[in-house]
Amino acid sequence: PVKSDGEINVLLVGSGDPRHILKTIVECPEKQNLHIWVVEKSMEVVARQLLLLYLTLIQQEKMGINEKTEVFLELFGNTEIRSQTAETLRQAASQLILSVTETTEDAMHPCLNTTILKFRERDELARVFKLWIQQPSPADSAPAMMPKAWDYRVRQHLGTRYDSRKGQFDWDLRMKLHEKGCGVISKQQYMQWRERGLAFEMREAVYQIPNPTLLSIRVFSQKKGEKVGVRGYWGDIVSSPYLSFGVESDDKSLLKTQNGQHLKTAQDISFANMQGLFQSLSSRWGCVTTSPSDTEAEKEPTLNLMLLIGVSVTFLPLDSLQKLPHKQKYCHYFNTIYFSANCVHQLGPMMRQIAAPDAVLVVELAKYILDLNKQQEAGFGEKVASLALEAGFEPCREDGTDGVHAVFVQQKK
């Protein structure tokens, strides 16, 4: 919603990557101040969000838009990356350690604000960034870890169907993704991603360094009741990273078909969309860049990144959703609230406390959770509608739902 006083507060719950953040910044009218608040389920996801935002904000003189797009997509969707990308990752992680361990009350950059996180959460972030910086020694088995971690998940998921996995991958693509309107995802690219976890190969180069940003710790209960943390790859192995940036575009020429075949691939569209976003961020916002001569820079150490005028992104503690309603500051505060499909269970009546009077609620549906059948998908949609109703929201009438998101507005008194 466009606000007359020019201040918009958006709460994102479990968004997982910055696609909504970047799109919203680019589409937001310049006269409005945009403040995005992010709640995630784990600090490893927060670390990845910070990394991808950091890459987005690197000045054009230091990294051209083409190179930035390649590096961003590699880190975003590949289990293995190029050596140049690994070097960029190490540099970014060392800068991010400085930003999260800095004890000043003000963030080192308004789009990378971690000052509200608890101290132990910031320590956890610093630990994750340090893991990203470590270079595997020749004796280390880390290079073999990612393919093993990926294969372990695929075997676990397919069970007895593992030996006929190529047929299963083809079925998921043709009968599920293509049926859901994602015909632009090509068989060759999807099969490679399902087999190896490589979604974006944009040049003839060697992709063999594990992408440590995709590794995380998951706690499992053993038979004796003991809990054990296992580091591995626990992300998506079915739907594909193409869904975030590669299946729709404002540029309709990217979606053209000839003889029923798409002329561009999901990788091409992802590349064009990210390029467009980066271009808009650097030109449309007339970004000022931080420099040592700035008066603010004299007060505090600052990251040498683009400053987007009127935009800030703040990361909230992991447990903050239950606590926000009890804080005076957030009373009827958020103009837009977004819930991802895997955080819908947290949607409850406490939303009434933090939603602004004309707030809009956006909830991700289960369209791209491919292991669900049509009845389960419909059941999920009904569950979302009933939870939204309990929280004081009703379906937005003029919104023709696309099956990907449900949009709700506050109930009229």
Protein backbone atom coordinates (compact mmCIF):
# COMPACT_ATOMS: atom_id res chain seq x y z
CA PRO A 1 0.00 0.00 0.00
CA VAL A 2 1.15 3.54 -0.79
CA LYS A 3 1.28 5.57 2.39
CA SER A 4 0.78 9.31 2.58
CA ASP A 5 3.41 9.84 5.27
CA GLY A 6 6.00 8.10 3.12
CA GLU A 7 7.04 5.35 5.55
CA ILE A 8 6.41 1.68 4.75
CA ASN A 9 7.24 -1.15 7.17
CA VAL A 10 7.34 -4.67 5.75
CA LEU A 11 7.75 -7.83 7.86
CA LEU A 12 9.10 -10.92 6.09
CA VAL A 13 8.78 -14.23 7.96
CA GLY A 14 10.89 -17.10 6.63
CA SER A 15 11.47 -15.68 3.13
CA GLY A 16 14.79 -17.57 2.92
CA ASP A 17 16.40 -15.45 0.18
CA PRO A 18 16.31 -11.76 -0.77
CA ARG A 19 14.15 -11.97 -3.91
CA HIS A 20 11.21 -10.16 -2.23
CA ILE A 21 13.54 -7.58 -0.69
CA LEU A 22 15.23 -6.69 -4.00
CA LYS A 23 11.98 -6.60 -6.02
CA THR A 24 10.26 -4.44 -3.39
CA ILE A 25 13.16 -1.96 -3.23
CA VAL A 26 13.19 -1.58 -7.02
CA GLU A 27 9.39 -1.15 -7.30
CA CYS A 28 8.97 1.19 -4.31
CA PRO A 29 8.28 4.87 -5.13
CA GLU A 30 11.36 6.99 -4.45
CA LYS A 31 9.53 9.41 -2.18
CA GLN A 32 8.77 6.64 0.31
CA ASN A 33 11.03 5.34 3.04
CA LEU A 34 11.06 1.56 3.00
CA HIS A 35 11.98 -0.40 6.13
CA ILE A 36 12.09 -4.18 5.78
CA TRP A 37 12.20 -6.39 8.89
CA VAL A 38 13.32 -10.01 8.46
CA VAL A 39 12.64 -13.01 10.72
CA GLU A 40 14.26 -16.34 9.72
CA LYS A 41 14.26 -19.85 11.16
CA SER A 42 18.04 -20.24 11.57
CA MET A 43 21.15 -18.08 11.75
CA GLU A 44 22.62 -19.94 8.75
CA VAL A 45 19.75 -18.59 6.62
CA VAL A 46 20.31 -15.08 8.06
CA ALA A 47 24.01 -15.39 7.12
CA ARG A 48 23.07 -16.23 3.52
CA GLN A 49 20.59 -13.36 3.37
CA LEU A 50 23.32 -10.98 4.57
CA LEU A 51 25.80 -12.35 2.03
CA LEU A 52 23.43 -11.99 -0.94
CA LEU A 53 22.48 -8.44 0.14
CA TYR A 54 26.16 -7.59 0.58
CA LEU A 55 26.92 -8.78 -2.97
CA THR A 56 23.98 -6.72 -4.28
CA LEU A 57 25.41 -3.57 -2.68
CA ILE A 58 28.98 -3.88 -3.99
CA GLN A 59 29.79 -0.73 -5.98
CA GLN A 60 29.81 -1.00 -9.75
CA GLU A 61 33.41 0.25 -9.99
CA LYS A 62 34.51 -2.73 -7.88
CA MET A 63 32.36 -5.37 -9.55
CA GLY A 64 30.60 -4.96 -12.89
CA ILE A 65 26.95 -5.95 -13.19
CA ASN A 66 27.69 -9.04 -15.33
CA GLU A 67 30.24 -10.38 -12.87
CA LYS A 68 27.99 -9.57 -9.91
CA THR A 69 25.10 -11.45 -11.54
CA GLU A 70 27.27 -14.53 -12.14
CA VAL A 71 28.66 -14.55 -8.60
CA PHE A 72 25.23 -13.95 -7.04
CA LEU A 73 23.54 -16.79 -8.96
CA GLU A 74 26.39 -19.21 -8.33
CA LEU A 75 26.31 -18.66 -4.58
CA PHE A 76 22.52 -18.64 -4.66
CA GLY A 77 21.88 -21.89 -6.52
CA ASN A 78 25.05 -24.00 -6.98
CA THR A 79 26.46 -26.61 -4.62
CA GLU A 80 29.85 -26.06 -6.28
CA ILE A 81 31.39 -22.77 -7.42
CA ARG A 82 34.39 -21.36 -9.33
CA SER A 83 37.62 -20.38 -7.56
CA GLN A 84 37.02 -16.66 -8.35
CA THR A 85 33.59 -16.87 -6.73
CA ALA A 86 35.09 -18.60 -3.68
CA GLU A 87 37.58 -15.72 -3.33
CA THR A 88 34.77 -13.12 -3.53
CA LEU A 89 32.87 -15.12 -0.89
CA ARG A 90 35.86 -15.08 1.48
CA GLN A 91 36.28 -11.30 1.10
CA ALA A 92 32.55 -10.71 1.69
CA ALA A 93 32.49 -13.02 4.74
CA SER A 94 35.46 -11.24 6.35
CA GLN A 95 33.66 -7.88 5.92
CA LEU A 96 30.41 -9.32 7.29
CA ILE A 97 32.24 -10.58 10.41
CA LEU A 98 33.23 -6.96 11.09
CA SER A 99 29.65 -5.77 10.66
CA VAL A 100 28.10 -8.34 13.03
CA THR A 101 30.78 -8.12 15.75
CA GLU A 102 30.83 -4.29 15.80
CA THR A 103 29.45 -3.17 19.17
CA THR A 104 28.13 0.27 18.14
CA GLU A 105 24.39 0.82 18.44
CA ASP A 106 24.13 1.89 14.80
CA ALA A 107 24.46 -0.64 11.99
CA MET A 108 27.53 -0.41 9.77
CA HIS A 109 25.13 -0.37 6.81
CA PRO A 110 21.34 0.28 6.91
CA CYS A 111 20.62 -2.72 4.63
CA LEU A 112 22.70 -5.10 6.76
CA ASN A 113 21.36 -4.18 10.18
CA THR A 114 22.00 -6.92 12.76
CA THR A 115 22.12 -4.67 15.85
CA ILE A 116 18.77 -5.95 17.22
CA LEU A 117 19.93 -9.60 17.19
CA LYS A 118 20.90 -11.15 20.51
CA PHE A 119 24.63 -11.31 21.27
CA ARG A 120 24.68 -15.10 21.00
CA GLU A 121 22.95 -14.89 17.61
CA ARG A 122 25.58 -12.44 16.38
CA ASP A 123 28.30 -14.76 17.72
CA GLU A 124 26.64 -17.58 15.78
CA LEU A 125 26.68 -15.43 12.60
CA ALA A 126 30.39 -14.72 13.10
CA ARG A 127 31.00 -18.47 13.53
CA VAL A 128 29.18 -19.21 10.24
CA PHE A 129 31.14 -16.52 8.36
CA LYS A 130 34.43 -17.92 9.73
CA LEU A 131 33.51 -21.36 8.37
CA TRP A 132 33.01 -19.79 4.94
CA ILE A 133 36.47 -18.19 5.04
CA GLN A 134 38.36 -21.38 5.91
CA GLN A 135 40.20 -22.78 2.91
CA PRO A 136 40.12 -26.58 2.80
CA SER A 137 43.61 -28.05 3.09
CA PRO A 138 44.73 -30.65 0.49
CA ALA A 139 44.38 -33.38 3.12
CA ASP A 140 40.85 -32.25 3.96
CA SER A 141 37.91 -34.17 2.55
CA ALA A 142 35.78 -31.01 2.19
CA PRO A 143 35.79 -30.98 -1.65
CA ALA A 144 34.21 -34.44 -1.57
CA MET A 145 31.73 -33.39 1.08
CA MET A 146 29.25 -31.49 -1.09
CA PRO A 147 28.66 -34.19 -3.75
CA LYS A 148 28.30 -36.75 -0.92
CA ALA A 149 25.91 -34.53 1.03
CA TRP A 150 23.82 -33.97 -2.11
CA ASP A 151 23.78 -37.65 -3.07
CA TYR A 152 22.84 -38.64 0.50
CA ARG A 153 19.75 -36.41 0.33
CA VAL A 154 18.73 -37.71 -3.12
CA ARG A 155 19.07 -41.36 -1.97
CA GLN A 156 17.13 -40.59 1.19
CA HIS A 157 14.36 -38.88 -0.78
CA LEU A 158 13.99 -41.45 -3.56
CA GLY A 159 14.63 -44.65 -1.55
CA THR A 160 14.08 -47.68 -3.80
CA ARG A 161 13.50 -45.39 -6.82
CA TYR A 162 17.13 -44.16 -6.68
CA ASP A 163 18.31 -46.51 -9.45
CA SER A 164 15.63 -45.17 -11.82
CA ARG A 165 16.17 -41.57 -10.69
CA LYS A 166 16.50 -40.11 -14.19
CA GLY A 167 12.93 -41.20 -14.96
CA GLN A 168 11.78 -39.75 -11.65
CA PHE A 169 13.54 -36.42 -12.37
CA ASP A 170 11.92 -36.30 -15.82
CA TRP A 171 8.49 -37.02 -14.32
CA ASP A 172 8.89 -34.22 -11.73
CA LEU A 173 9.86 -31.80 -14.48
CA ARG A 174 7.25 -32.66 -17.14
CA MET A 175 4.28 -33.72 -15.05
CA LYS A 176 4.73 -31.29 -12.17
CA LEU A 177 6.84 -28.19 -12.92
CA HIS A 178 5.81 -27.86 -16.58
CA GLU A 179 2.16 -28.49 -15.65
CA LYS A 180 2.41 -25.66 -13.10
CA GLY A 181 3.47 -23.20 -15.79
CA CYS A 182 7.25 -23.56 -15.53
CA GLY A 183 7.79 -24.82 -19.09
CA VAL A 184 10.78 -22.52 -19.44
CA ILE A 185 12.85 -24.85 -17.20
CA SER A 186 14.76 -26.99 -19.70
CA LYS A 187 15.26 -30.72 -19.25
CA GLN A 188 19.05 -30.54 -19.58
CA GLN A 189 19.48 -27.87 -16.88
CA TYR A 190 16.92 -29.38 -14.50
CA MET A 191 18.44 -32.89 -14.80
CA GLN A 192 21.92 -31.53 -14.11
CA TRP A 193 20.67 -29.67 -11.05
CA ARG A 194 18.83 -32.77 -9.71
CA GLU A 195 21.92 -34.92 -10.30
CA ARG A 196 24.67 -32.58 -9.01
CA GLY A 197 23.09 -29.47 -7.52
CA LEU A 198 24.48 -27.22 -10.27
CA ALA A 199 21.77 -24.79 -11.42
CA PHE A 200 23.83 -22.02 -13.00
CA GLU A 201 26.80 -22.75 -15.27
CA MET A 202 27.20 -19.47 -17.10
CA ARG A 203 30.63 -19.97 -18.63
CA GLU A 204 33.09 -22.67 -19.61
CA ALA A 205 34.79 -22.93 -16.23
CA VAL A 206 35.57 -25.44 -13.52
CA TYR A 207 32.87 -25.65 -10.85
CA GLN A 208 34.42 -27.82 -8.17
CA ILE A 209 34.85 -25.80 -4.97
CA PRO A 210 32.06 -26.62 -2.46
CA ASN A 211 29.69 -23.73 -1.80
CA PRO A 212 29.92 -23.58 2.03
CA THR A 213 26.94 -21.20 2.27
CA LEU A 214 24.62 -24.11 1.43
CA LEU A 215 25.93 -26.32 4.24
CA SER A 216 24.19 -26.13 7.60
CA ILE A 217 23.76 -28.11 10.80
CA ARG A 218 20.59 -30.09 11.38
CA VAL A 219 19.83 -31.79 14.70
CA PHE A 220 18.70 -35.42 14.59
CA SER A 221 17.38 -37.55 17.46
CA GLN A 222 19.08 -40.92 17.84
CA LYS A 223 17.46 -44.10 19.14
CA LYS A 224 18.62 -43.51 22.71
CA GLY A 225 17.09 -40.05 22.70
CA GLU A 226 20.40 -38.26 22.24
CA LYS A 227 20.42 -35.31 19.86
CA VAL A 228 23.22 -35.07 17.29
CA GLY A 229 24.00 -32.14 14.99
CA VAL A 230 24.98 -33.20 11.46
CA ARG A 231 26.52 -30.72 9.00
CA GLY A 232 25.30 -31.31 5.49
CA TYR A 233 23.09 -29.98 2.71
CA TRP A 234 19.48 -29.80 3.94
CA GLY A 235 17.97 -27.51 1.31
CA ASP A 236 15.74 -28.05 -1.72
CA ILE A 237 16.54 -31.04 -3.97
CA VAL A 238 13.28 -31.14 -5.97
CA SER A 239 11.82 -27.75 -6.95
CA SER A 240 15.01 -25.96 -8.14
CA PRO A 241 16.48 -22.47 -7.58
CA TYR A 242 15.05 -21.40 -10.97
CA LEU A 243 11.71 -20.65 -9.27
CA SER A 244 13.07 -17.55 -7.49
CA PHE A 245 14.29 -15.56 -10.50
CA GLY A 246 13.92 -17.75 -13.60
CA VAL A 247 10.28 -18.52 -14.44
CA GLU A 248 8.71 -15.09 -14.94
CA SER A 249 9.83 -11.76 -16.34
CA ASP A 250 8.50 -8.31 -17.18
CA ASP A 251 10.42 -8.62 -20.46
CA LYS A 252 8.06 -10.82 -22.49
CA SER A 253 10.71 -11.43 -25.21
CA LEU A 254 12.47 -13.74 -22.72
CA LEU A 255 9.38 -15.97 -22.59
CA LYS A 256 8.91 -16.40 -26.38
CA THR A 257 8.39 -19.86 -27.80
CA GLN A 258 8.95 -21.30 -31.26
CA ASN A 259 7.35 -24.59 -32.34
CA GLY A 260 6.27 -25.10 -28.73
CA GLN A 261 9.86 -24.74 -27.43
CA HIS A 262 11.10 -21.89 -25.26
CA LEU A 263 13.88 -19.88 -26.92
CA LYS A 264 15.39 -18.90 -23.55
CA THR A 265 16.15 -21.12 -20.57
CA ALA A 266 15.39 -20.51 -16.90
CA GLN A 267 19.11 -19.76 -16.46
CA ASP A 268 18.93 -17.05 -19.17
CA ILE A 269 15.86 -15.49 -17.51
CA SER A 270 17.44 -15.63 -14.03
CA PHE A 271 20.51 -13.87 -15.42
CA ALA A 272 18.45 -11.18 -17.21
CA ASN A 273 16.22 -10.60 -14.16
CA MET A 274 19.16 -10.24 -11.76
CA GLN A 275 20.95 -7.93 -14.18
CA GLY A 276 17.82 -5.78 -14.38
CA LEU A 277 17.48 -5.65 -10.58
CA PHE A 278 21.13 -4.68 -10.10
CA GLN A 279 20.86 -2.05 -12.85
CA SER A 280 17.76 -0.52 -11.27
CA LEU A 281 19.33 -0.45 -7.82
CA SER A 282 22.41 1.41 -9.01
CA SER A 283 20.70 3.88 -11.36
CA ARG A 284 17.15 4.48 -10.19
CA TRP A 285 18.07 5.07 -6.58
CA GLY A 286 20.96 7.36 -7.47
CA CYS A 287 22.79 5.51 -4.75
CA VAL A 288 25.25 7.50 -2.74
CA THR A 289 28.28 5.50 -1.74
CA THR A 290 29.93 5.69 1.62
CA SER A 291 33.31 7.38 1.60
CA PRO A 292 35.74 8.32 4.38
CA SER A 293 34.96 12.03 3.89
CA ASP A 294 31.30 11.58 4.92
CA THR A 295 30.52 13.06 8.30
CA GLU A 296 28.78 9.88 9.36
CA ALA A 297 31.79 7.86 8.34
CA GLU A 298 33.90 9.81 10.79
CA LYS A 299 31.62 8.75 13.63
CA GLU A 300 31.68 5.03 12.96
CA PRO A 301 33.43 2.42 10.82
CA THR A 302 31.37 1.71 7.75
CA LEU A 303 31.29 -0.81 4.93
CA ASN A 304 32.31 0.56 1.55
CA LEU A 305 29.03 -0.30 -0.21
CA MET A 306 26.22 1.46 -2.07
CA LEU A 307 23.77 3.28 0.19
CA LEU A 308 20.20 3.01 -1.06
CA ILE A 309 18.46 6.22 -0.08
CA GLY A 310 15.50 5.70 2.26
CA VAL A 311 15.94 1.90 2.42
CA SER A 312 16.84 -0.18 5.45
CA VAL A 313 16.77 -3.94 6.12
CA THR A 314 16.81 -5.07 9.76
CA PHE A 315 17.21 -8.66 10.94
CA LEU A 316 15.16 -9.59 14.02
CA PRO A 317 15.95 -12.37 16.55
CA LEU A 318 14.74 -15.86 15.60
CA ASP A 319 12.09 -15.94 18.35
CA SER A 320 10.84 -12.40 17.81
CA LEU A 321 7.49 -13.21 16.19
CA GLN A 322 6.00 -14.15 19.59
CA LYS A 323 7.57 -11.11 21.26
CA LEU A 324 6.76 -8.31 18.78
CA PRO A 325 3.08 -8.00 19.91
CA HIS A 326 4.27 -7.22 23.47
CA LYS A 327 6.52 -4.33 22.41
CA GLN A 328 5.03 -0.88 22.21
CA LYS A 329 7.17 0.08 19.19
CA TYR A 330 5.59 -2.57 16.94
CA CYS A 331 1.96 -1.91 17.94
CA HIS A 332 -0.05 -1.65 14.65
CA TYR A 333 3.25 -1.07 12.89
CA PHE A 334 3.60 -3.28 9.78
CA ASN A 335 1.92 -2.26 6.51
CA THR A 336 2.73 -5.55 4.75
CA ILE A 337 3.37 -8.93 6.39
CA TYR A 338 4.68 -11.90 4.39
CA PHE A 339 4.76 -15.55 5.52
CA SER A 340 6.56 -18.29 3.58
CA ALA A 341 4.90 -21.71 3.24
CA ASN A 342 7.15 -23.30 5.87
CA CYS A 343 6.32 -20.62 8.49
CA VAL A 344 2.54 -20.56 8.05
CA HIS A 345 2.06 -22.40 11.36
CA GLN A 346 3.33 -19.24 13.11
CA LEU A 347 0.50 -17.14 11.69
CA GLY A 348 -1.88 -16.43 14.57
CA PRO A 349 -4.17 -13.91 16.30
CA MET A 350 -1.14 -11.95 17.60
CA MET A 351 -0.91 -10.50 14.06
CA ARG A 352 -3.77 -8.14 15.01
CA GLN A 353 -1.40 -6.43 17.45
CA ILE A 354 1.38 -5.69 14.97
CA ALA A 355 -0.58 -5.12 11.72
CA ALA A 356 -1.20 -1.49 10.73
CA PRO A 357 -4.87 -0.48 10.10
CA ASP A 358 -4.73 -1.06 6.29
CA ALA A 359 -2.18 -3.88 6.43
CA VAL A 360 -1.89 -6.48 3.67
CA LEU A 361 -1.00 -10.09 4.49
CA VAL A 362 0.75 -12.16 1.79
CA VAL A 363 1.15 -15.92 2.32
CA GLU A 364 3.12 -18.29 0.11
CA LEU A 365 1.07 -21.32 -0.93
CA ALA A 366 2.19 -24.90 -1.60
CA LYS A 367 2.11 -24.75 -5.42
CA TYR A 368 5.83 -25.55 -5.79
CA ILE A 369 6.08 -28.17 -3.04
CA LEU A 370 6.15 -30.91 -5.65
CA ASP A 371 5.72 -33.86 -3.28
CA LEU A 372 2.16 -32.78 -2.44
CA ASN A 373 -0.79 -33.96 -4.54
CA LYS A 374 -3.62 -31.65 -5.68
CA GLN A 375 -5.82 -32.44 -2.67
CA GLN A 376 -3.00 -31.73 -0.22
CA GLU A 377 -2.18 -28.50 -2.06
CA ALA A 378 -5.83 -27.39 -1.89
CA GLY A 379 -5.97 -28.40 1.78
CA PHE A 380 -2.93 -26.23 2.48
CA GLY A 381 -4.68 -23.26 0.83
CA GLU A 382 -7.77 -23.81 3.01
CA LYS A 383 -5.60 -24.03 6.14
CA VAL A 384 -3.91 -20.73 5.20
CA ALA A 385 -7.31 -19.05 4.69
CA SER A 386 -8.58 -20.23 8.10
CA LEU A 387 -5.38 -19.13 9.90
CA ALA A 388 -5.61 -15.72 8.20
CA LEU A 389 -9.25 -15.42 9.31
CA GLU A 390 -8.27 -16.18 12.93
CA ALA A 391 -5.61 -13.47 12.61
CA GLY A 392 -8.24 -10.94 11.52
CA PHE A 393 -7.66 -11.01 7.73
CA GLU A 394 -10.01 -11.79 4.84
CA PRO A 395 -9.17 -12.64 1.19
CA CYS A 396 -8.41 -9.64 -1.00
CA ARG A 397 -11.36 -9.60 -3.39
CA GLU A 398 -9.73 -7.99 -6.42
CA ASP A 399 -6.78 -10.35 -6.21
CA GLY A 400 -7.02 -13.11 -8.83
CA THR A 401 -4.84 -15.68 -7.03
CA ASP A 402 -2.07 -17.26 -9.10
CA GLY A 403 -1.83 -20.23 -6.77
CA VAL A 404 1.64 -19.11 -5.64
CA HIS A 405 0.58 -16.52 -3.04
CA ALA A 406 -2.66 -15.73 -1.23
CA VAL A 407 -3.29 -12.05 -0.46
CA PHE A 408 -5.44 -10.92 2.47
CA VAL A 409 -6.61 -7.56 3.81
CA GLN A 410 -7.79 -6.70 7.30
CA GLN A 411 -11.41 -7.55 8.07
CA LYS A 412 -13.75 -4.59 8.05
CA LYS A 413 -15.06 -3.94 11.54
